[in-house]
Amino acid sequence: MKAFGTILLQIILLEIILGGGGRFTAIGPLSLRMVLFATAIAYTCYWLWKKERVNIQYSALVLTFIVVTIIAIMMGLSVGADNNLIFEDVKPLLYFLILPFFTLTIRDK
């Protein structure tokens, strides 16, 4: 399963380098980057379920990101912003949640 993570990492990095903003390989509303992101999140959840640990520093970064994003969403909702516009603003930022995948698959400096 670790070999799958290494291959997935290489595919993700290749798509990031060649795919630009992620819309280069889009088919309708779905892009290859979205599919790879979902696969990486599923891979991370699998390893966390198997009791693999992510360094506390990275966990703190992800938790801080989630808290700040929730605060920003609540601020947008409190001033009456359109839900679709809030989602469109937050959607590209959610790629930060792939950080635990990188920490689980990249083990050496």
PDB file of N, CA and C in Angstrom:
ATOM      1  N   MET A   1       0.827  -1.203   0.000  1.00  0.00           N
ATOM      2  CA  MET A   1       0.000   0.000   0.000  1.00  0.00           C
ATOM      3  C   MET A   1       0.868   1.262   0.000  1.00  0.00           C
ATOM      4  N   LYS A   2       2.041   1.187   0.633  1.00  0.00           N
ATOM      5  CA  LYS A   2       2.939   2.348   0.628  1.00  0.00           C
ATOM      6  C   LYS A   2       3.421   2.646  -0.785  1.00  0.00           C
ATOM      7  N   ALA A   3       3.597   1.595  -1.608  1.00  0.00           N
ATOM      8  CA  ALA A   3       4.008   1.799  -3.001  1.00  0.00           C
ATOM      9  C   ALA A   3       2.928   2.574  -3.761  1.00  0.00           C
ATOM     10  N   PHE A   4       1.656   2.293  -3.455  1.00  0.00           N
ATOM     11  CA  PHE A   4       0.557   3.036  -4.071  1.00  0.00           C
ATOM     12  C   PHE A   4       0.666   4.520  -3.729  1.00  0.00           C
ATOM     13  N   GLY A   5       0.991   4.824  -2.466  1.00  0.00           N
ATOM     14  CA  GLY A   5       1.149   6.213  -2.044  1.00  0.00           C
ATOM     15  C   GLY A   5       2.273   6.913  -2.791  1.00  0.00           C
ATOM     16  N   THR A   6       3.366   6.206  -3.013  1.00  0.00           N
ATOM     17  CA  THR A   6       4.494   6.787  -3.744  1.00  0.00           C
ATOM     18  C   THR A   6       4.109   7.077  -5.192  1.00  0.00           C
ATOM     19  N   ILE A   7       3.413   6.137  -5.810  1.00  0.00           N
ATOM     20  CA  ILE A   7       2.970   6.339  -7.193  1.00  0.00           C
ATOM     21  C   ILE A   7       1.964   7.481  -7.266  1.00  0.00           C
ATOM     22  N   LEU A   8       1.034   7.515  -6.319  1.00  0.00           N
ATOM     23  CA  LEU A   8       0.041   8.591  -6.279  1.00  0.00           C
ATOM     24  C   LEU A   8       0.721   9.940  -6.092  1.00  0.00           C
ATOM     25  N   LEU A   9       1.728   9.992  -5.236  1.00  0.00           N
ATOM     26  CA  LEU A   9       2.478  11.232  -5.026  1.00  0.00           C
ATOM     27  C   LEU A   9       3.110  11.702  -6.326  1.00  0.00           C
ATOM     28  N   GLN A  10       3.717  10.800  -7.065  1.00  0.00           N
ATOM     29  CA  GLN A  10       4.356  11.172  -8.327  1.00  0.00           C
ATOM     30  C   GLN A  10       3.334  11.666  -9.343  1.00  0.00           C
ATOM     31  N   ILE A  11       2.183  11.022  -9.391  1.00  0.00           N
ATOM     32  CA  ILE A  11       1.136  11.463 -10.313  1.00  0.00           C
ATOM     33  C   ILE A  11       0.623  12.851  -9.912  1.00  0.00           C
ATOM     34  N   ILE A  12       0.421  13.063  -8.611  1.00  0.00           N
ATOM     35  CA  ILE A  12      -0.057  14.374  -8.135  1.00  0.00           C
ATOM     36  C   ILE A  12       0.957  15.457  -8.466  1.00  0.00           C
ATOM     37  N   LEU A  13       2.224  15.204  -8.215  1.00  0.00           N
ATOM     38  CA  LEU A  13       3.254  16.202  -8.509  1.00  0.00           C
ATOM     39  C   LEU A  13       3.336  16.486 -10.007  1.00  0.00           C
ATOM     40  N   LEU A  14       3.222  15.452 -10.824  1.00  0.00           N
ATOM     41  CA  LEU A  14       3.230  15.642 -12.274  1.00  0.00           C
ATOM     42  C   LEU A  14       2.041  16.488 -12.710  1.00  0.00           C
ATOM     43  N   GLU A  15       0.866  16.212 -12.150  1.00  0.00           N
ATOM     44  CA  GLU A  15      -0.323  16.989 -12.502  1.00  0.00           C
ATOM     45  C   GLU A  15      -0.193  18.438 -12.048  1.00  0.00           C
ATOM     46  N   ILE A  16       0.394  18.654 -10.869  1.00  0.00           N
ATOM     47  CA  ILE A  16       0.583  20.024 -10.380  1.00  0.00           C
ATOM     48  C   ILE A  16       1.539  20.788 -11.298  1.00  0.00           C
ATOM     49  N   ILE A  17       2.615  20.124 -11.705  1.00  0.00           N
ATOM     50  CA  ILE A  17       3.614  20.778 -12.546  1.00  0.00           C
ATOM     51  C   ILE A  17       3.077  21.040 -13.945  1.00  0.00           C
ATOM     52  N   LEU A  18       2.446  20.047 -14.544  1.00  0.00           N
ATOM     53  CA  LEU A  18       1.978  20.177 -15.932  1.00  0.00           C
ATOM     54  C   LEU A  18       0.555  20.700 -16.054  1.00  0.00           C
ATOM     55  N   GLY A  19      -0.234  20.538 -15.000  1.00  0.00           N
ATOM     56  CA  GLY A  19      -1.649  20.860 -15.085  1.00  0.00           C
ATOM     57  C   GLY A  19      -2.005  22.310 -14.815  1.00  0.00           C
ATOM     58  N   GLY A  20      -1.043  23.107 -14.416  1.00  0.00           N
ATOM     59  CA  GLY A  20      -1.335  24.509 -14.156  1.00  0.00           C
ATOM     60  C   GLY A  20      -2.306  24.685 -13.011  1.00  0.00           C
ATOM     61  N   GLY A  21      -3.407  25.364 -13.271  1.00  0.00           N
ATOM     62  CA  GLY A  21      -4.392  25.648 -12.237  1.00  0.00           C
ATOM     63  C   GLY A  21      -5.354  24.504 -11.973  1.00  0.00           C
ATOM     64  N   GLY A  22      -5.155  23.381 -12.601  1.00  0.00           N
ATOM     65  CA  GLY A  22      -6.014  22.235 -12.361  1.00  0.00           C
ATOM     66  C   GLY A  22      -7.159  22.110 -13.348  1.00  0.00           C
ATOM     67  N   ARG A  23      -7.369  23.090 -14.192  1.00  0.00           N
ATOM     68  CA  ARG A  23      -8.488  23.046 -15.139  1.00  0.00           C
ATOM     69  C   ARG A  23      -8.048  22.518 -16.505  1.00  0.00           C
ATOM     70  N   PHE A  24      -6.749  22.269 -16.677  1.00  0.00           N
ATOM     71  CA  PHE A  24      -6.228  21.771 -17.949  1.00  0.00           C
ATOM     72  C   PHE A  24      -6.817  20.402 -18.291  1.00  0.00           C
ATOM     73  N   THR A  25      -7.002  19.570 -17.270  1.00  0.00           N
ATOM     74  CA  THR A  25      -7.505  18.217 -17.485  1.00  0.00           C
ATOM     75  C   THR A  25      -8.963  18.073 -17.033  1.00  0.00           C
ATOM     76  N   ALA A  26      -9.702  19.154 -17.067  1.00  0.00           N
ATOM     77  CA  ALA A  26     -11.086  19.131 -16.586  1.00  0.00           C
ATOM     78  C   ALA A  26     -12.027  18.529 -17.628  1.00  0.00           C
ATOM     79  N   ILE A  27     -12.945  17.730 -17.116  1.00  0.00           N
ATOM     80  CA  ILE A  27     -14.033  17.205 -17.935  1.00  0.00           C
ATOM     81  C   ILE A  27     -15.308  17.636 -17.234  1.00  0.00           C
ATOM     82  N   GLY A  28     -15.922  18.683 -17.753  1.00  0.00           N
ATOM     83  CA  GLY A  28     -17.093  19.254 -17.087  1.00  0.00           C
ATOM     84  C   GLY A  28     -16.666  19.907 -15.782  1.00  0.00           C
ATOM     85  N   PRO A  29     -17.431  19.696 -14.721  1.00  0.00           N
ATOM     86  CA  PRO A  29     -17.081  20.328 -13.441  1.00  0.00           C
ATOM     87  C   PRO A  29     -15.996  19.563 -12.673  1.00  0.00           C
ATOM     88  N   LEU A  30     -15.604  18.394 -13.157  1.00  0.00           N
ATOM     89  CA  LEU A  30     -14.641  17.547 -12.459  1.00  0.00           C
ATOM     90  C   LEU A  30     -13.295  17.584 -13.164  1.00  0.00           C
ATOM     91  N   SER A  31     -12.222  17.786 -12.385  1.00  0.00           N
ATOM     92  CA  SER A  31     -10.888  17.803 -12.970  1.00  0.00           C
ATOM     93  C   SER A  31     -10.066  16.646 -12.414  1.00  0.00           C
ATOM     94  N   LEU A  32      -8.984  16.331 -13.092  1.00  0.00           N
ATOM     95  CA  LEU A  32      -8.081  15.287 -12.636  1.00  0.00           C
ATOM     96  C   LEU A  32      -7.528  15.645 -11.260  1.00  0.00           C
ATOM     97  N   ARG A  33      -7.273  16.921 -11.033  1.00  0.00           N
ATOM     98  CA  ARG A  33      -6.752  17.343  -9.729  1.00  0.00           C
ATOM     99  C   ARG A  33      -7.740  17.018  -8.616  1.00  0.00           C
ATOM    100  N   MET A  34      -9.028  17.194  -8.866  1.00  0.00           N
ATOM    101  CA  MET A  34     -10.040  16.872  -7.857  1.00  0.00           C
ATOM    102  C   MET A  34     -10.059  15.375  -7.562  1.00  0.00           C
ATOM    103  N   VAL A  35      -9.944  14.559  -8.610  1.00  0.00           N
ATOM    104  CA  VAL A  35      -9.944  13.104  -8.435  1.00  0.00           C
ATOM    105  C   VAL A  35      -8.704  12.675  -7.654  1.00  0.00           C
ATOM    106  N   LEU A  36      -7.548  13.233  -8.008  1.00  0.00           N
ATOM    107  CA  LEU A  36      -6.312  12.900  -7.295  1.00  0.00           C
ATOM    108  C   LEU A  36      -6.370  13.377  -5.847  1.00  0.00           C
ATOM    109  N   PHE A  37      -6.963  14.546  -5.620  1.00  0.00           N
ATOM    110  CA  PHE A  37      -7.116  15.066  -4.262  1.00  0.00           C
ATOM    111  C   PHE A  37      -7.974  14.119  -3.427  1.00  0.00           C
ATOM    112  N   ALA A  38      -9.099  13.697  -3.976  1.00  0.00           N
ATOM    113  CA  ALA A  38      -9.993  12.786  -3.252  1.00  0.00           C
ATOM    114  C   ALA A  38      -9.301  11.458  -2.972  1.00  0.00           C
ATOM    115  N   THR A  39      -8.523  10.967  -3.926  1.00  0.00           N
ATOM    116  CA  THR A  39      -7.781   9.721  -3.731  1.00  0.00           C
ATOM    117  C   THR A  39      -6.738   9.883  -2.635  1.00  0.00           C
ATOM    118  N   ALA A  40      -6.045  11.011  -2.635  1.00  0.00           N
ATOM    119  CA  ALA A  40      -5.031  11.266  -1.612  1.00  0.00           C
ATOM    120  C   ALA A  40      -5.661  11.391  -0.226  1.00  0.00           C
ATOM    121  N   ILE A  41      -6.823  12.017  -0.132  1.00  0.00           N
ATOM    122  CA  ILE A  41      -7.509  12.138   1.153  1.00  0.00           C
ATOM    123  C   ILE A  41      -7.964  10.754   1.629  1.00  0.00           C
ATOM    124  N   ALA A  42      -8.467   9.932   0.721  1.00  0.00           N
ATOM    125  CA  ALA A  42      -8.878   8.575   1.088  1.00  0.00           C
ATOM    126  C   ALA A  42      -7.667   7.759   1.550  1.00  0.00           C
ATOM    127  N   TYR A  43      -6.546   7.899   0.863  1.00  0.00           N
ATOM    128  CA  TYR A  43      -5.310   7.209   1.241  1.00  0.00           C
ATOM    129  C   TYR A  43      -4.871   7.649   2.640  1.00  0.00           C
ATOM    130  N   THR A  44      -4.932   8.943   2.912  1.00  0.00           N
ATOM    131  CA  THR A  44      -4.559   9.475   4.227  1.00  0.00           C
ATOM    132  C   THR A  44      -5.486   8.935   5.305  1.00  0.00           C
ATOM    133  N   CYS A  45      -6.784   8.937   5.043  1.00  0.00           N
ATOM    134  CA  CYS A  45      -7.747   8.412   6.017  1.00  0.00           C
ATOM    135  C   CYS A  45      -7.475   6.941   6.303  1.00  0.00           C
ATOM    136  N   TYR A  46      -7.135   6.183   5.271  1.00  0.00           N
ATOM    137  CA  TYR A  46      -6.814   4.766   5.459  1.00  0.00           C
ATOM    138  C   TYR A  46      -5.639   4.602   6.422  1.00  0.00           C
ATOM    139  N   TRP A  47      -4.568   5.359   6.199  1.00  0.00           N
ATOM    140  CA  TRP A  47      -3.383   5.218   7.055  1.00  0.00           C
ATOM    141  C   TRP A  47      -3.617   5.762   8.450  1.00  0.00           C
ATOM    142  N   LEU A  48      -4.433   6.789   8.587  1.00  0.00           N
ATOM    143  CA  LEU A  48      -4.760   7.279   9.928  1.00  0.00           C
ATOM    144  C   LEU A  48      -5.611   6.252  10.665  1.00  0.00           C
ATOM    145  N   TRP A  49      -6.482   5.574   9.942  1.00  0.00           N
ATOM    146  CA  TRP A  49      -7.300   4.517  10.530  1.00  0.00           C
ATOM    147  C   TRP A  49      -6.426   3.343  10.964  1.00  0.00           C
ATOM    148  N   LYS A  50      -5.340   3.109  10.220  1.00  0.00           N
ATOM    149  CA  LYS A  50      -4.402   2.038  10.561  1.00  0.00           C
ATOM    150  C   LYS A  50      -3.411   2.472  11.648  1.00  0.00           C
ATOM    151  N   LYS A  51      -3.669   3.590  12.282  1.00  0.00           N
ATOM    152  CA  LYS A  51      -2.885   4.121  13.402  1.00  0.00           C
ATOM    153  C   LYS A  51      -1.536   4.715  12.995  1.00  0.00           C
ATOM    154  N   GLU A  52      -1.384   5.087  11.730  1.00  0.00           N
ATOM    155  CA  GLU A  52      -0.185   5.814  11.306  1.00  0.00           C
ATOM    156  C   GLU A  52      -0.291   7.235  11.867  1.00  0.00           C
ATOM    157  N   ARG A  53       0.787   7.785  12.309  1.00  0.00           N
ATOM    158  CA  ARG A  53       0.758   9.108  12.932  1.00  0.00           C
ATOM    159  C   ARG A  53       1.354  10.179  12.026  1.00  0.00           C
ATOM    160  N   VAL A  54       0.741  11.340  12.066  1.00  0.00           N
ATOM    161  CA  VAL A  54       1.250  12.519  11.374  1.00  0.00           C
ATOM    162  C   VAL A  54       1.924  13.389  12.430  1.00  0.00           C
ATOM    163  N   ASN A  55       3.061  13.944  12.089  1.00  0.00           N
ATOM    164  CA  ASN A  55       3.804  14.804  13.003  1.00  0.00           C
ATOM    165  C   ASN A  55       2.880  15.884  13.581  1.00  0.00           C
ATOM    166  N   ILE A  56       3.036  16.154  14.857  1.00  0.00           N
ATOM    167  CA  ILE A  56       2.166  17.106  15.566  1.00  0.00           C
ATOM    168  C   ILE A  56       2.204  18.504  14.944  1.00  0.00           C
ATOM    169  N   GLN A  57       3.347  18.887  14.390  1.00  0.00           N
ATOM    170  CA  GLN A  57       3.454  20.215  13.769  1.00  0.00           C
ATOM    171  C   GLN A  57       2.530  20.321  12.557  1.00  0.00           C
ATOM    172  N   TYR A  58       2.496  19.262  11.754  1.00  0.00           N
ATOM    173  CA  TYR A  58       1.633  19.281  10.574  1.00  0.00           C
ATOM    174  C   TYR A  58       0.161  19.184  10.974  1.00  0.00           C
ATOM    175  N   SER A  59      -0.108  18.402  11.996  1.00  0.00           N
ATOM    176  CA  SER A  59      -1.484  18.306  12.491  1.00  0.00           C
ATOM    177  C   SER A  59      -1.967  19.662  12.997  1.00  0.00           C
ATOM    178  N   ALA A  60      -1.092  20.376  13.691  1.00  0.00           N
ATOM    179  CA  ALA A  60      -1.440  21.707  14.193  1.00  0.00           C
ATOM    180  C   ALA A  60      -1.695  22.678  13.043  1.00  0.00           C
ATOM    181  N   LEU A  61      -0.895  22.583  11.984  1.00  0.00           N
ATOM    182  CA  LEU A  61      -1.101  23.448  10.819  1.00  0.00           C
ATOM    183  C   LEU A  61      -2.454  23.186  10.167  1.00  0.00           C
ATOM    184  N   VAL A  62      -2.791  21.917  10.009  1.00  0.00           N
ATOM    185  CA  VAL A  62      -4.066  21.563   9.392  1.00  0.00           C
ATOM    186  C   VAL A  62      -5.230  22.010  10.278  1.00  0.00           C
ATOM    187  N   LEU A  63      -5.107  21.793  11.572  1.00  0.00           N
ATOM    188  CA  LEU A  63      -6.159  22.224  12.497  1.00  0.00           C
ATOM    189  C   LEU A  63      -6.323  23.744  12.472  1.00  0.00           C
ATOM    190  N   THR A  64      -5.214  24.465  12.463  1.00  0.00           N
ATOM    191  CA  THR A  64      -5.277  25.929  12.384  1.00  0.00           C
ATOM    192  C   THR A  64      -5.948  26.369  11.091  1.00  0.00           C
ATOM    193  N   PHE A  65      -5.591  25.718   9.988  1.00  0.00           N
ATOM    194  CA  PHE A  65      -6.223  26.033   8.698  1.00  0.00           C
ATOM    195  C   PHE A  65      -7.733  25.833   8.760  1.00  0.00           C
ATOM    196  N   ILE A  66      -8.155  24.715   9.335  1.00  0.00           N
ATOM    197  CA  ILE A  66      -9.586  24.417   9.425  1.00  0.00           C
ATOM    198  C   ILE A  66     -10.305  25.459  10.273  1.00  0.00           C
ATOM    199  N   VAL A  67      -9.725  25.825  11.408  1.00  0.00           N
ATOM    200  CA  VAL A  67     -10.344  26.819  12.286  1.00  0.00           C
ATOM    201  C   VAL A  67     -10.453  28.165  11.580  1.00  0.00           C
ATOM    202  N   VAL A  68      -9.368  28.603  10.940  1.00  0.00           N
ATOM    203  CA  VAL A  68      -9.395  29.900  10.240  1.00  0.00           C
ATOM    204  C   VAL A  68     -10.406  29.875   9.097  1.00  0.00           C
ATOM    205  N   THR A  69     -10.481  28.769   8.386  1.00  0.00           N
ATOM    206  CA  THR A  69     -11.437  28.658   7.277  1.00  0.00           C
ATOM    207  C   THR A  69     -12.876  28.697   7.784  1.00  0.00           C
ATOM    208  N   ILE A  70     -13.136  28.011   8.873  1.00  0.00           N
ATOM    209  CA  ILE A  70     -14.489  28.034   9.450  1.00  0.00           C
ATOM    210  C   ILE A  70     -14.853  29.447   9.906  1.00  0.00           C
ATOM    211  N   ILE A  71     -13.916  30.138  10.527  1.00  0.00           N
ATOM    212  CA  ILE A  71     -14.169  31.524  10.948  1.00  0.00           C
ATOM    213  C   ILE A  71     -14.478  32.392   9.735  1.00  0.00           C
ATOM    214  N   ALA A  72     -13.700  32.230   8.659  1.00  0.00           N
ATOM    215  CA  ALA A  72     -13.922  33.031   7.453  1.00  0.00           C
ATOM    216  C   ALA A  72     -15.283  32.724   6.833  1.00  0.00           C
ATOM    217  N   ILE A  73     -15.660  31.447   6.810  1.00  0.00           N
ATOM    218  CA  ILE A  73     -16.968  31.072   6.260  1.00  0.00           C
ATOM    219  C   ILE A  73     -18.087  31.678   7.103  1.00  0.00           C
ATOM    220  N   MET A  74     -17.936  31.610   8.414  1.00  0.00           N
ATOM    221  CA  MET A  74     -18.961  32.175   9.297  1.00  0.00           C
ATOM    222  C   MET A  74     -19.060  33.692   9.131  1.00  0.00           C
ATOM    223  N   MET A  75     -17.933  34.346   8.931  1.00  0.00           N
ATOM    224  CA  MET A  75     -17.962  35.796   8.698  1.00  0.00           C
ATOM    225  C   MET A  75     -18.698  36.103   7.399  1.00  0.00           C
ATOM    226  N   GLY A  76     -18.423  35.324   6.356  1.00  0.00           N
ATOM    227  CA  GLY A  76     -19.110  35.521   5.086  1.00  0.00           C
ATOM    228  C   GLY A  76     -20.609  35.306   5.208  1.00  0.00           C
ATOM    229  N   LEU A  77     -20.977  34.263   5.936  1.00  0.00           N
ATOM    230  CA  LEU A  77     -22.404  33.995   6.128  1.00  0.00           C
ATOM    231  C   LEU A  77     -23.073  35.077   6.969  1.00  0.00           C
ATOM    232  N   SER A  78     -22.339  35.610   7.953  1.00  0.00           N
ATOM    233  CA  SER A  78     -22.932  36.617   8.845  1.00  0.00           C
ATOM    234  C   SER A  78     -23.215  37.939   8.142  1.00  0.00           C
ATOM    235  N   VAL A  79     -22.460  38.241   7.078  1.00  0.00           N
ATOM    236  CA  VAL A  79     -22.716  39.486   6.352  1.00  0.00           C
ATOM    237  C   VAL A  79     -23.637  39.272   5.159  1.00  0.00           C
ATOM    238  N   GLY A  80     -24.138  38.034   5.020  1.00  0.00           N
ATOM    239  CA  GLY A  80     -25.111  37.760   3.981  1.00  0.00           C
ATOM    240  C   GLY A  80     -24.526  37.450   2.612  1.00  0.00           C
ATOM    241  N   ALA A  81     -23.278  37.017   2.549  1.00  0.00           N
ATOM    242  CA  ALA A  81     -22.686  36.663   1.260  1.00  0.00           C
ATOM    243  C   ALA A  81     -23.365  35.426   0.691  1.00  0.00           C
ATOM    244  N   ASP A  82     -23.370  35.342  -0.611  1.00  0.00           N
ATOM    245  CA  ASP A  82     -23.977  34.201  -1.306  1.00  0.00           C
ATOM    246  C   ASP A  82     -23.169  32.935  -1.006  1.00  0.00           C
ATOM    247  N   ASN A  83     -23.877  31.855  -0.668  1.00  0.00           N
ATOM    248  CA  ASN A  83     -23.209  30.587  -0.335  1.00  0.00           C
ATOM    249  C   ASN A  83     -22.327  30.084  -1.470  1.00  0.00           C
ATOM    250  N   ASN A  84     -22.784  30.234  -2.709  1.00  0.00           N
ATOM    251  CA  ASN A  84     -21.988  29.787  -3.852  1.00  0.00           C
ATOM    252  C   ASN A  84     -20.684  30.569  -3.971  1.00  0.00           C
ATOM    253  N   LEU A  85     -20.746  31.856  -3.702  1.00  0.00           N
ATOM    254  CA  LEU A  85     -19.533  32.674  -3.773  1.00  0.00           C
ATOM    255  C   LEU A  85     -18.553  32.309  -2.662  1.00  0.00           C
ATOM    256  N   ILE A  86     -19.077  32.028  -1.488  1.00  0.00           N
ATOM    257  CA  ILE A  86     -18.215  31.597  -0.380  1.00  0.00           C
ATOM    258  C   ILE A  86     -17.534  30.291  -0.749  1.00  0.00           C
ATOM    259  N   PHE A  87     -18.298  29.341  -1.279  1.00  0.00           N
ATOM    260  CA  PHE A  87     -17.733  28.049  -1.671  1.00  0.00           C
ATOM    261  C   PHE A  87     -16.664  28.214  -2.748  1.00  0.00           C
ATOM    262  N   GLU A  88     -16.924  29.077  -3.726  1.00  0.00           N
ATOM    263  CA  GLU A  88     -15.946  29.299  -4.794  1.00  0.00           C
ATOM    264  C   GLU A  88     -14.656  29.913  -4.256  1.00  0.00           C
ATOM    265  N   ASP A  89     -14.761  30.741  -3.220  1.00  0.00           N
ATOM    266  CA  ASP A  89     -13.566  31.323  -2.604  1.00  0.00           C
ATOM    267  C   ASP A  89     -12.786  30.292  -1.793  1.00  0.00           C
ATOM    268  N   VAL A  90     -13.486  29.412  -1.120  1.00  0.00           N
ATOM    269  CA  VAL A  90     -12.843  28.454  -0.222  1.00  0.00           C
ATOM    270  C   VAL A  90     -12.315  27.234  -0.975  1.00  0.00           C
ATOM    271  N   LYS A  91     -12.954  26.868  -2.066  1.00  0.00           N
ATOM    272  CA  LYS A  91     -12.627  25.629  -2.780  1.00  0.00           C
ATOM    273  C   LYS A  91     -11.140  25.483  -3.121  1.00  0.00           C
ATOM    274  N   PRO A  92     -10.474  26.472  -3.715  1.00  0.00           N
ATOM    275  CA  PRO A  92      -9.053  26.274  -4.028  1.00  0.00           C
ATOM    276  C   PRO A  92      -8.169  26.173  -2.776  1.00  0.00           C
ATOM    277  N   LEU A  93      -8.608  26.779  -1.697  1.00  0.00           N
ATOM    278  CA  LEU A  93      -7.827  26.732  -0.462  1.00  0.00           C
ATOM    279  C   LEU A  93      -7.859  25.352   0.185  1.00  0.00           C
ATOM    280  N   LEU A  94      -8.904  24.587  -0.091  1.00  0.00           N
ATOM    281  CA  LEU A  94      -9.045  23.274   0.525  1.00  0.00           C
ATOM    282  C   LEU A  94      -7.940  22.305   0.127  1.00  0.00           C
ATOM    283  N   TYR A  95      -7.203  22.621  -0.928  1.00  0.00           N
ATOM    284  CA  TYR A  95      -6.107  21.748  -1.345  1.00  0.00           C
ATOM    285  C   TYR A  95      -5.045  21.646  -0.248  1.00  0.00           C
ATOM    286  N   PHE A  96      -5.034  22.597   0.665  1.00  0.00           N
ATOM    287  CA  PHE A  96      -4.096  22.555   1.796  1.00  0.00           C
ATOM    288  C   PHE A  96      -4.311  21.295   2.634  1.00  0.00           C
ATOM    289  N   LEU A  97      -5.510  20.752   2.607  1.00  0.00           N
ATOM    290  CA  LEU A  97      -5.816  19.555   3.392  1.00  0.00           C
ATOM    291  C   LEU A  97      -5.075  18.313   2.902  1.00  0.00           C
ATOM    292  N   ILE A  98      -4.346  18.433   1.806  1.00  0.00           N
ATOM    293  CA  ILE A  98      -3.553  17.324   1.300  1.00  0.00           C
ATOM    294  C   ILE A  98      -2.213  17.221   2.037  1.00  0.00           C
ATOM    295  N   LEU A  99      -1.914  18.173   2.881  1.00  0.00           N
ATOM    296  CA  LEU A  99      -0.638  18.175   3.615  1.00  0.00           C
ATOM    297  C   LEU A  99      -0.365  16.869   4.360  1.00  0.00           C
ATOM    298  N   PRO A 100      -1.315  16.293   5.093  1.00  0.00           N
ATOM    299  CA  PRO A 100      -1.022  15.013   5.756  1.00  0.00           C
ATOM    300  C   PRO A 100      -0.639  13.897   4.774  1.00  0.00           C
ATOM    301  N   PHE A 101      -1.200  13.925   3.566  1.00  0.00           N
ATOM    302  CA  PHE A 101      -0.809  12.933   2.557  1.00  0.00           C
ATOM    303  C   PHE A 101       0.673  13.077   2.234  1.00  0.00           C
ATOM    304  N   PHE A 102       1.111  14.317   2.045  1.00  0.00           N
ATOM    305  CA  PHE A 102       2.527  14.535   1.748  1.00  0.00           C
ATOM    306  C   PHE A 102       3.410  14.078   2.908  1.00  0.00           C
ATOM    307  N   THR A 103       2.979  14.333   4.132  1.00  0.00           N
ATOM    308  CA  THR A 103       3.807  13.931   5.274  1.00  0.00           C
ATOM    309  C   THR A 103       3.836  12.411   5.455  1.00  0.00           C
ATOM    310  N   LEU A 104       2.780  11.732   5.034  1.00  0.00           N
ATOM    311  CA  LEU A 104       2.759  10.268   5.149  1.00  0.00           C
ATOM    312  C   LEU A 104       3.572   9.601   4.033  1.00  0.00           C
ATOM    313  N   THR A 105       3.660  10.233   2.877  1.00  0.00           N
ATOM    314  CA  THR A 105       4.342   9.593   1.753  1.00  0.00           C
ATOM    315  C   THR A 105       5.791  10.052   1.586  1.00  0.00           C
ATOM    316  N   ILE A 106       6.112  11.256   1.992  1.00  0.00           N
ATOM    317  CA  ILE A 106       7.504  11.733   1.893  1.00  0.00           C
ATOM    318  C   ILE A 106       8.136  11.528   3.254  1.00  0.00           C
ATOM    319  N   ARG A 107       8.999  10.551   3.364  1.00  0.00           N
ATOM    320  CA  ARG A 107       9.581  10.185   4.655  1.00  0.00           C
ATOM    321  C   ARG A 107      11.024  10.655   4.846  1.00  0.00           C
ATOM    322  N   ASP A 108      11.747  10.937   3.783  1.00  0.00           N
ATOM    323  CA  ASP A 108      13.137  11.347   3.947  1.00  0.00           C
ATOM    324  C   ASP A 108      13.335  12.779   3.484  1.00  0.00           C
ATOM    325  N   LYS A 109      14.316  13.422   4.075  1.00  0.00           N
ATOM    326  CA  LYS A 109      14.570  14.822   3.738  1.00  0.00           C
ATOM    327  C   LYS A 109      15.398  14.927   2.497  1.00  0.00           C
TER     328      LYS A 109
END
